[in-house]
Amino acid sequence: MTPSVAVTLLTWAAIILLFFGLAAVLREVRLLRGIVTRATDGFVAAPPDLVLGPRFAGDGGRIVAAVDSGCPLCLTVVERLAGLGAEATLLTHEPLTTWAELAHGLPVISDGEAWRSVSHLSPPVLMSLDGTGRVRRMLLPVRAAEVDTALAGWAGPKEGGDPR
């Protein structure tokens, strides 16, 4: 076998391997597109699997905002929730005295364990909980206006499950 034939065969073998690699990547992208569906409030792959616990259980559901006093957007979201008159509860890891003047009349729960379940997310985290304290929907707002949209979307029918 001459060197030019060997180089040609190796080149075609490499091209065929690259083609199979590209086909595998495109297949994975297609599968991911099938998993991720477009909802009205963002991309949703699966409902969140978080339970904040019995302290957050209530009649028919509750809105909980995980906030930190050092986060300017968190303070804006808290002001927005209070301004809308939302029946929301604030979840924090900080002492309750930190939120005495910042909560704008909203109830505050300082719960380290519940905070750890959402601490990997960047606050603020707005959550809609069912009556058992399980998170049904979750939003990480980047603008205060998203709070209005989320609360309006979450105010759907409470019986019969998800209002989507």
N, C-alpha and C. Protein backbone atom coordinates (compact mmCIF):
# COMPACT_ATOMS: atom_id res chain seq x y z
N MET A 1 0.86 -1.16 0.00
CA MET A 1 0.00 0.00 0.00
C MET A 1 0.91 1.23 0.00
N THR A 2 0.58 2.13 -0.90
CA THR A 2 1.38 3.34 -1.00
C THR A 2 1.01 4.32 0.11
N PRO A 3 1.91 5.21 0.46
CA PRO A 3 1.61 6.18 1.52
C PRO A 3 0.40 7.06 1.20
N SER A 4 0.20 7.43 -0.04
CA SER A 4 -0.94 8.29 -0.38
C SER A 4 -2.27 7.56 -0.19
N VAL A 5 -2.32 6.27 -0.50
CA VAL A 5 -3.55 5.49 -0.29
C VAL A 5 -3.82 5.33 1.21
N ALA A 6 -2.78 5.10 1.99
CA ALA A 6 -2.94 4.96 3.44
C ALA A 6 -3.46 6.25 4.06
N VAL A 7 -2.91 7.38 3.62
CA VAL A 7 -3.37 8.68 4.15
C VAL A 7 -4.82 8.92 3.76
N THR A 8 -5.17 8.58 2.54
CA THR A 8 -6.55 8.76 2.07
C THR A 8 -7.50 7.89 2.89
N LEU A 9 -7.15 6.64 3.13
CA LEU A 9 -8.01 5.76 3.93
C LEU A 9 -8.15 6.26 5.37
N LEU A 10 -7.05 6.69 5.96
CA LEU A 10 -7.12 7.24 7.32
C LEU A 10 -7.96 8.51 7.38
N THR A 11 -7.86 9.34 6.36
CA THR A 11 -8.65 10.57 6.32
C THR A 11 -10.14 10.25 6.25
N TRP A 12 -10.50 9.31 5.37
CA TRP A 12 -11.92 8.94 5.26
C TRP A 12 -12.42 8.26 6.54
N ALA A 13 -11.60 7.46 7.18
CA ALA A 13 -12.01 6.83 8.45
C ALA A 13 -12.25 7.90 9.51
N ALA A 14 -11.38 8.92 9.55
CA ALA A 14 -11.56 10.01 10.51
C ALA A 14 -12.82 10.80 10.21
N ILE A 15 -13.11 11.06 8.95
CA ILE A 15 -14.33 11.78 8.57
C ILE A 15 -15.57 10.99 8.98
N ILE A 16 -15.55 9.69 8.75
CA ILE A 16 -16.70 8.85 9.12
C ILE A 16 -16.89 8.85 10.64
N LEU A 17 -15.81 8.76 11.41
CA LEU A 17 -15.90 8.80 12.87
C LEU A 17 -16.45 10.15 13.34
N LEU A 18 -15.99 11.24 12.74
CA LEU A 18 -16.51 12.55 13.09
C LEU A 18 -18.00 12.67 12.75
N PHE A 19 -18.42 12.10 11.64
CA PHE A 19 -19.83 12.11 11.27
C PHE A 19 -20.67 11.38 12.31
N PHE A 20 -20.21 10.21 12.76
CA PHE A 20 -20.95 9.48 13.79
C PHE A 20 -20.99 10.26 15.12
N GLY A 21 -19.89 10.93 15.44
CA GLY A 21 -19.87 11.76 16.65
C GLY A 21 -20.87 12.90 16.56
N LEU A 22 -20.94 13.56 15.42
CA LEU A 22 -21.90 14.64 15.22
C LEU A 22 -23.33 14.11 15.28
N ALA A 23 -23.57 12.96 14.70
CA ALA A 23 -24.90 12.36 14.75
C ALA A 23 -25.30 12.06 16.19
N ALA A 24 -24.39 11.60 17.02
CA ALA A 24 -24.69 11.31 18.42
C ALA A 24 -25.01 12.60 19.18
N VAL A 25 -24.26 13.66 18.91
CA VAL A 25 -24.53 14.94 19.57
C VAL A 25 -25.90 15.48 19.15
N LEU A 26 -26.21 15.41 17.88
CA LEU A 26 -27.52 15.89 17.41
C LEU A 26 -28.66 15.06 17.99
N ARG A 27 -28.45 13.77 18.17
CA ARG A 27 -29.47 12.93 18.80
C ARG A 27 -29.71 13.37 20.24
N GLU A 28 -28.63 13.67 20.97
CA GLU A 28 -28.78 14.13 22.36
C GLU A 28 -29.51 15.46 22.42
N VAL A 29 -29.21 16.36 21.49
CA VAL A 29 -29.90 17.64 21.46
C VAL A 29 -31.39 17.43 21.19
N ARG A 30 -31.73 16.53 20.29
CA ARG A 30 -33.13 16.24 19.99
C ARG A 30 -33.83 15.66 21.21
N LEU A 31 -33.17 14.77 21.94
CA LEU A 31 -33.75 14.21 23.15
C LEU A 31 -33.96 15.28 24.22
N LEU A 32 -32.99 16.18 24.36
CA LEU A 32 -33.13 17.26 25.33
C LEU A 32 -34.28 18.19 24.97
N ARG A 33 -34.44 18.46 23.69
CA ARG A 33 -35.58 19.29 23.27
C ARG A 33 -36.90 18.62 23.60
N GLY A 34 -36.94 17.32 23.52
CA GLY A 34 -38.17 16.61 23.88
C GLY A 34 -38.47 16.67 25.37
N ILE A 35 -37.42 16.73 26.19
CA ILE A 35 -37.60 16.78 27.64
C ILE A 35 -38.01 18.18 28.09
N VAL A 36 -37.34 19.19 27.53
CA VAL A 36 -37.59 20.56 27.94
C VAL A 36 -38.78 21.09 27.15
N THR A 37 -39.81 21.51 27.86
CA THR A 37 -40.99 22.07 27.21
C THR A 37 -41.10 23.54 27.55
N ARG A 38 -41.68 24.27 26.69
CA ARG A 38 -41.83 25.72 26.90
C ARG A 38 -43.13 25.97 27.63
N ALA A 39 -43.04 26.53 28.84
CA ALA A 39 -44.21 26.93 29.60
C ALA A 39 -44.35 28.44 29.50
N THR A 40 -45.47 28.98 29.97
CA THR A 40 -45.69 30.42 29.87
C THR A 40 -44.75 31.19 30.77
N ASP A 41 -44.24 30.58 31.83
CA ASP A 41 -43.37 31.30 32.75
C ASP A 41 -41.91 30.86 32.64
N GLY A 42 -41.53 30.20 31.55
CA GLY A 42 -40.14 29.82 31.36
C GLY A 42 -40.01 28.37 30.95
N PHE A 43 -38.78 27.91 30.83
CA PHE A 43 -38.54 26.53 30.46
C PHE A 43 -38.67 25.65 31.69
N VAL A 44 -39.36 24.54 31.52
CA VAL A 44 -39.59 23.63 32.63
C VAL A 44 -39.25 22.22 32.16
N ALA A 45 -38.30 21.60 32.81
CA ALA A 45 -37.96 20.22 32.47
C ALA A 45 -38.78 19.25 33.29
N ALA A 46 -38.95 19.54 34.54
CA ALA A 46 -39.73 18.69 35.45
C ALA A 46 -40.12 19.56 36.64
N PRO A 47 -41.21 19.21 37.30
CA PRO A 47 -41.56 19.99 38.48
C PRO A 47 -40.47 19.87 39.54
N PRO A 48 -40.27 20.92 40.33
CA PRO A 48 -39.22 20.85 41.35
C PRO A 48 -39.53 19.77 42.37
N ASP A 49 -38.49 19.12 42.85
CA ASP A 49 -38.65 18.06 43.85
C ASP A 49 -38.11 18.57 45.17
N LEU A 50 -38.81 19.54 45.76
CA LEU A 50 -38.41 20.14 47.02
C LEU A 50 -39.57 20.09 47.99
N VAL A 51 -39.26 19.77 49.23
CA VAL A 51 -40.24 19.84 50.30
C VAL A 51 -39.64 20.71 51.38
N LEU A 52 -40.29 21.82 51.67
CA LEU A 52 -39.76 22.74 52.67
C LEU A 52 -40.11 22.33 54.09
N GLY A 53 -41.08 21.45 54.24
CA GLY A 53 -41.37 20.93 55.56
C GLY A 53 -42.69 21.40 56.14
N PRO A 54 -43.03 20.87 57.32
CA PRO A 54 -44.34 21.14 57.91
C PRO A 54 -44.54 22.60 58.33
N ARG A 55 -43.46 23.34 58.58
CA ARG A 55 -43.62 24.75 58.94
C ARG A 55 -44.23 25.56 57.81
N PHE A 56 -44.13 25.05 56.59
CA PHE A 56 -44.63 25.77 55.44
C PHE A 56 -45.92 25.17 54.90
N ALA A 57 -46.41 24.12 55.53
CA ALA A 57 -47.67 23.51 55.10
C ALA A 57 -48.81 24.44 55.50
N GLY A 58 -49.82 24.48 54.69
CA GLY A 58 -50.95 25.35 54.98
C GLY A 58 -52.17 24.90 54.23
N ASP A 59 -53.24 25.64 54.41
CA ASP A 59 -54.50 25.31 53.74
C ASP A 59 -54.43 25.68 52.27
N GLY A 60 -54.41 24.69 51.42
CA GLY A 60 -54.51 24.91 50.00
C GLY A 60 -53.28 25.47 49.30
N GLY A 61 -52.26 25.86 49.99
CA GLY A 61 -51.06 26.34 49.33
C GLY A 61 -50.56 27.65 49.92
N ARG A 62 -49.36 28.00 49.52
CA ARG A 62 -48.72 29.18 50.08
C ARG A 62 -47.65 29.64 49.10
N ILE A 63 -47.41 30.95 49.10
CA ILE A 63 -46.32 31.53 48.32
C ILE A 63 -45.18 31.79 49.30
N VAL A 64 -43.99 31.31 48.97
CA VAL A 64 -42.81 31.49 49.81
C VAL A 64 -41.72 32.12 48.95
N ALA A 65 -41.06 33.13 49.52
CA ALA A 65 -39.94 33.76 48.84
C ALA A 65 -38.69 33.55 49.69
N ALA A 66 -37.71 32.85 49.14
CA ALA A 66 -36.43 32.66 49.83
C ALA A 66 -35.57 33.89 49.53
N VAL A 67 -35.24 34.64 50.59
CA VAL A 67 -34.58 35.92 50.41
C VAL A 67 -33.39 36.07 51.36
N ASP A 68 -32.51 36.99 50.99
CA ASP A 68 -31.33 37.30 51.79
C ASP A 68 -31.25 38.82 51.90
N SER A 69 -30.96 39.33 53.08
CA SER A 69 -30.96 40.78 53.28
C SER A 69 -29.83 41.49 52.54
N GLY A 70 -28.82 40.79 52.14
CA GLY A 70 -27.71 41.38 51.40
C GLY A 70 -27.94 41.42 49.91
N CYS A 71 -29.09 41.00 49.46
CA CYS A 71 -29.41 40.93 48.03
C CYS A 71 -30.38 42.06 47.68
N PRO A 72 -29.95 43.04 46.89
CA PRO A 72 -30.84 44.15 46.54
C PRO A 72 -32.11 43.71 45.81
N LEU A 73 -31.99 42.72 44.91
CA LEU A 73 -33.17 42.24 44.21
C LEU A 73 -34.15 41.57 45.18
N CYS A 74 -33.62 40.89 46.20
CA CYS A 74 -34.48 40.27 47.21
C CYS A 74 -35.32 41.33 47.92
N LEU A 75 -34.69 42.43 48.27
CA LEU A 75 -35.42 43.50 48.94
C LEU A 75 -36.48 44.11 48.03
N THR A 76 -36.18 44.22 46.75
CA THR A 76 -37.16 44.73 45.78
C THR A 76 -38.32 43.76 45.65
N VAL A 77 -38.04 42.47 45.60
CA VAL A 77 -39.10 41.46 45.49
C VAL A 77 -39.99 41.47 46.73
N VAL A 78 -39.38 41.62 47.91
CA VAL A 78 -40.16 41.69 49.15
C VAL A 78 -41.07 42.92 49.12
N GLU A 79 -40.55 44.06 48.69
CA GLU A 79 -41.38 45.27 48.57
C GLU A 79 -42.52 45.04 47.59
N ARG A 80 -42.23 44.36 46.50
CA ARG A 80 -43.25 44.11 45.47
C ARG A 80 -44.33 43.19 46.01
N LEU A 81 -43.93 42.12 46.72
CA LEU A 81 -44.91 41.21 47.31
C LEU A 81 -45.80 41.94 48.31
N ALA A 82 -45.19 42.77 49.14
CA ALA A 82 -45.97 43.52 50.12
C ALA A 82 -46.88 44.53 49.43
N GLY A 83 -46.38 45.18 48.38
CA GLY A 83 -47.17 46.15 47.64
C GLY A 83 -48.37 45.53 46.94
N LEU A 84 -48.22 44.29 46.49
CA LEU A 84 -49.32 43.58 45.83
C LEU A 84 -50.31 43.00 46.82
N GLY A 85 -49.94 43.03 48.09
CA GLY A 85 -50.81 42.43 49.10
C GLY A 85 -50.83 40.92 49.03
N ALA A 86 -49.76 40.35 48.54
CA ALA A 86 -49.69 38.89 48.40
C ALA A 86 -49.57 38.24 49.77
N GLU A 87 -50.23 37.14 49.92
CA GLU A 87 -50.12 36.36 51.15
C GLU A 87 -48.90 35.47 51.02
N ALA A 88 -47.75 36.08 51.19
CA ALA A 88 -46.47 35.38 51.01
C ALA A 88 -45.74 35.30 52.33
N THR A 89 -44.90 34.29 52.44
CA THR A 89 -44.04 34.11 53.61
C THR A 89 -42.60 34.21 53.13
N LEU A 90 -41.77 34.84 53.93
CA LEU A 90 -40.36 34.97 53.58
C LEU A 90 -39.56 33.89 54.29
N LEU A 91 -38.72 33.20 53.55
CA LEU A 91 -37.82 32.18 54.10
C LEU A 91 -36.42 32.75 54.08
N THR A 92 -35.72 32.69 55.21
CA THR A 92 -34.37 33.20 55.29
C THR A 92 -33.54 32.33 56.22
N HIS A 93 -32.25 32.51 56.15
CA HIS A 93 -31.32 31.82 57.05
C HIS A 93 -30.85 32.77 58.14
N GLU A 94 -31.24 34.03 58.03
CA GLU A 94 -30.76 35.06 58.94
C GLU A 94 -31.66 35.16 60.17
N PRO A 95 -31.18 35.80 61.23
CA PRO A 95 -32.01 35.99 62.41
C PRO A 95 -33.23 36.86 62.07
N LEU A 96 -34.33 36.63 62.77
CA LEU A 96 -35.56 37.36 62.50
C LEU A 96 -35.39 38.86 62.72
N THR A 97 -34.47 39.24 63.61
CA THR A 97 -34.26 40.67 63.87
C THR A 97 -33.73 41.40 62.64
N THR A 98 -33.03 40.69 61.77
CA THR A 98 -32.51 41.30 60.54
C THR A 98 -33.66 41.76 59.65
N TRP A 99 -34.76 41.00 59.68
CA TRP A 99 -35.88 41.27 58.80
C TRP A 99 -36.99 42.07 59.47
N ALA A 100 -36.78 42.53 60.70
CA ALA A 100 -37.83 43.25 61.43
C ALA A 100 -38.36 44.44 60.63
N GLU A 101 -37.47 45.22 60.02
CA GLU A 101 -37.91 46.39 59.26
C GLU A 101 -37.93 46.15 57.76
N LEU A 102 -37.30 45.10 57.30
CA LEU A 102 -37.20 44.84 55.86
C LEU A 102 -38.37 44.05 55.30
N ALA A 103 -39.14 43.38 56.17
CA ALA A 103 -40.18 42.46 55.70
C ALA A 103 -41.45 43.15 55.24
N HIS A 104 -41.62 44.43 55.55
CA HIS A 104 -42.82 45.17 55.13
C HIS A 104 -44.11 44.48 55.55
N GLY A 105 -44.11 43.90 56.73
CA GLY A 105 -45.32 43.27 57.26
C GLY A 105 -45.54 41.82 56.87
N LEU A 106 -44.68 41.28 56.02
CA LEU A 106 -44.83 39.88 55.62
C LEU A 106 -44.24 38.98 56.71
N PRO A 107 -44.86 37.81 56.95
CA PRO A 107 -44.29 36.90 57.95
C PRO A 107 -42.94 36.34 57.49
N VAL A 108 -42.04 36.19 58.44
CA VAL A 108 -40.69 35.71 58.15
C VAL A 108 -40.43 34.44 58.95
N ILE A 109 -39.89 33.43 58.28
CA ILE A 109 -39.49 32.20 58.95
C ILE A 109 -38.00 32.02 58.72
N SER A 110 -37.25 31.91 59.79
CA SER A 110 -35.82 31.64 59.70
C SER A 110 -35.64 30.15 59.96
N ASP A 111 -35.36 29.41 58.90
CA ASP A 111 -35.27 27.95 58.97
C ASP A 111 -34.04 27.50 58.19
N GLY A 112 -33.00 27.12 58.89
CA GLY A 112 -31.75 26.73 58.25
C GLY A 112 -31.88 25.51 57.35
N GLU A 113 -32.67 24.54 57.78
CA GLU A 113 -32.82 23.32 56.98
C GLU A 113 -33.58 23.58 55.68
N ALA A 114 -34.67 24.33 55.78
CA ALA A 114 -35.42 24.67 54.56
C ALA A 114 -34.57 25.54 53.64
N TRP A 115 -33.79 26.45 54.25
CA TRP A 115 -32.92 27.31 53.44
C TRP A 115 -31.89 26.47 52.69
N ARG A 116 -31.33 25.46 53.33
CA ARG A 116 -30.32 24.62 52.67
C ARG A 116 -30.89 23.91 51.45
N SER A 117 -32.20 23.64 51.45
CA SER A 117 -32.78 22.94 50.30
C SER A 117 -32.87 23.84 49.07
N VAL A 118 -32.81 25.17 49.27
CA VAL A 118 -32.83 26.09 48.13
C VAL A 118 -31.58 26.94 48.04
N SER A 119 -30.62 26.74 48.94
CA SER A 119 -29.44 27.62 48.99
C SER A 119 -28.53 27.47 47.78
N HIS A 120 -28.65 26.40 47.02
CA HIS A 120 -27.84 26.26 45.82
C HIS A 120 -28.34 27.16 44.70
N LEU A 121 -29.53 27.72 44.86
CA LEU A 121 -30.09 28.65 43.89
C LEU A 121 -29.76 30.08 44.31
N SER A 122 -29.71 30.96 43.36
CA SER A 122 -29.40 32.36 43.67
C SER A 122 -30.68 33.08 44.09
N PRO A 123 -30.69 33.65 45.30
CA PRO A 123 -31.90 34.34 45.74
C PRO A 123 -32.13 35.61 44.93
N PRO A 124 -33.36 36.03 44.82
CA PRO A 124 -34.56 35.50 45.45
C PRO A 124 -35.11 34.30 44.68
N VAL A 125 -35.76 33.42 45.43
CA VAL A 125 -36.42 32.26 44.86
C VAL A 125 -37.88 32.35 45.26
N LEU A 126 -38.76 32.46 44.29
CA LEU A 126 -40.19 32.55 44.54
C LEU A 126 -40.79 31.18 44.30
N MET A 127 -41.53 30.66 45.29
CA MET A 127 -42.05 29.29 45.20
C MET A 127 -43.54 29.27 45.52
N SER A 128 -44.25 28.40 44.84
CA SER A 128 -45.65 28.13 45.14
C SER A 128 -45.71 26.73 45.75
N LEU A 129 -46.21 26.64 46.98
CA LEU A 129 -46.25 25.37 47.70
C LEU A 129 -47.67 24.84 47.77
N ASP A 130 -47.78 23.53 47.85
CA ASP A 130 -49.10 22.94 48.08
C ASP A 130 -49.35 22.86 49.58
N GLY A 131 -50.44 22.24 49.97
CA GLY A 131 -50.82 22.17 51.37
C GLY A 131 -49.91 21.35 52.25
N THR A 132 -49.03 20.55 51.65
CA THR A 132 -48.13 19.71 52.44
C THR A 132 -46.74 20.32 52.60
N GLY A 133 -46.50 21.45 51.95
CA GLY A 133 -45.18 22.08 52.02
C GLY A 133 -44.27 21.68 50.88
N ARG A 134 -44.81 21.00 49.87
CA ARG A 134 -44.03 20.60 48.68
C ARG A 134 -44.11 21.73 47.65
N VAL A 135 -42.97 22.04 47.04
CA VAL A 135 -42.91 23.10 46.04
C VAL A 135 -43.55 22.59 44.75
N ARG A 136 -44.57 23.31 44.27
CA ARG A 136 -45.22 22.97 43.01
C ARG A 136 -44.59 23.70 41.84
N ARG A 137 -44.31 25.00 42.06
CA ARG A 137 -43.70 25.82 41.01
C ARG A 137 -42.62 26.68 41.63
N MET A 138 -41.66 27.05 40.81
CA MET A 138 -40.53 27.83 41.31
C MET A 138 -40.11 28.82 40.24
N LEU A 139 -39.69 30.00 40.69
CA LEU A 139 -39.22 31.03 39.78
C LEU A 139 -38.05 31.75 40.43
N LEU A 140 -37.02 32.03 39.66
CA LEU A 140 -35.91 32.86 40.11
C LEU A 140 -36.03 34.18 39.35
N PRO A 141 -36.76 35.14 39.92
CA PRO A 141 -37.00 36.39 39.18
C PRO A 141 -35.73 37.20 39.02
N VAL A 142 -35.63 37.87 37.88
CA VAL A 142 -34.50 38.77 37.63
C VAL A 142 -34.97 40.22 37.56
N ARG A 143 -36.29 40.41 37.53
CA ARG A 143 -36.91 41.73 37.58
C ARG A 143 -38.12 41.68 38.48
N ALA A 144 -38.44 42.80 39.11
CA ALA A 144 -39.59 42.84 40.02
C ALA A 144 -40.90 42.57 39.28
N ALA A 145 -40.97 42.93 38.01
CA ALA A 145 -42.19 42.72 37.23
C ALA A 145 -42.51 41.23 37.08
N GLU A 146 -41.51 40.38 37.14
CA GLU A 146 -41.75 38.94 37.02
C GLU A 146 -42.55 38.41 38.20
N VAL A 147 -42.49 39.10 39.33
CA VAL A 147 -43.27 38.69 40.50
C VAL A 147 -44.75 38.81 40.18
N ASP A 148 -45.15 39.91 39.54
CA ASP A 148 -46.55 40.11 39.16
C ASP A 148 -47.02 38.98 38.24
N THR A 149 -46.21 38.70 37.23
CA THR A 149 -46.56 37.67 36.25
C THR A 149 -46.69 36.30 36.91
N ALA A 150 -45.74 35.97 37.78
CA ALA A 150 -45.76 34.67 38.45
C ALA A 150 -46.98 34.54 39.35
N LEU A 151 -47.26 35.55 40.15
CA LEU A 151 -48.41 35.48 41.05
C LEU A 151 -49.71 35.39 40.29
N ALA A 152 -49.80 36.10 39.17
CA ALA A 152 -51.01 36.01 38.35
C ALA A 152 -51.17 34.62 37.75
N GLY A 153 -50.06 34.02 37.32
CA GLY A 153 -50.12 32.67 36.74
C GLY A 153 -50.38 31.60 37.79
N TRP A 154 -49.90 31.81 39.00
CA TRP A 154 -50.07 30.81 40.05
C TRP A 154 -51.41 30.93 40.75
N ALA A 155 -52.17 31.97 40.47
CA ALA A 155 -53.46 32.16 41.13
C ALA A 155 -54.57 31.39 40.43
N GLY A 156 -54.21 30.44 39.59
CA GLY A 156 -55.20 29.63 38.87
C GLY A 156 -55.96 28.73 39.82
N PRO A 157 -56.71 27.78 39.27
CA PRO A 157 -57.52 26.90 40.11
C PRO A 157 -56.67 26.07 41.06
N LYS A 158 -57.07 26.00 42.31
CA LYS A 158 -56.30 25.25 43.31
C LYS A 158 -56.75 23.80 43.36
N GLU A 159 -57.97 23.52 42.99
CA GLU A 159 -58.42 22.14 43.00
C GLU A 159 -58.15 21.54 41.64
N GLY A 160 -57.85 20.29 41.62
CA GLY A 160 -57.59 19.61 40.36
C GLY A 160 -56.17 19.74 39.88
N GLY A 161 -55.31 20.30 40.70
CA GLY A 161 -53.88 20.27 40.38
C GLY A 161 -53.38 21.50 39.69
N ASP A 162 -52.50 21.29 38.76
CA ASP A 162 -51.75 22.32 38.09
C ASP A 162 -52.64 23.16 37.17
N PRO A 163 -52.63 24.47 37.27
CA PRO A 163 -53.49 25.29 36.44
C PRO A 163 -52.99 25.51 35.03
N ARG A 164 -51.94 24.86 34.59
CA ARG A 164 -51.41 25.07 33.23
C ARG A 164 -52.37 24.61 32.20
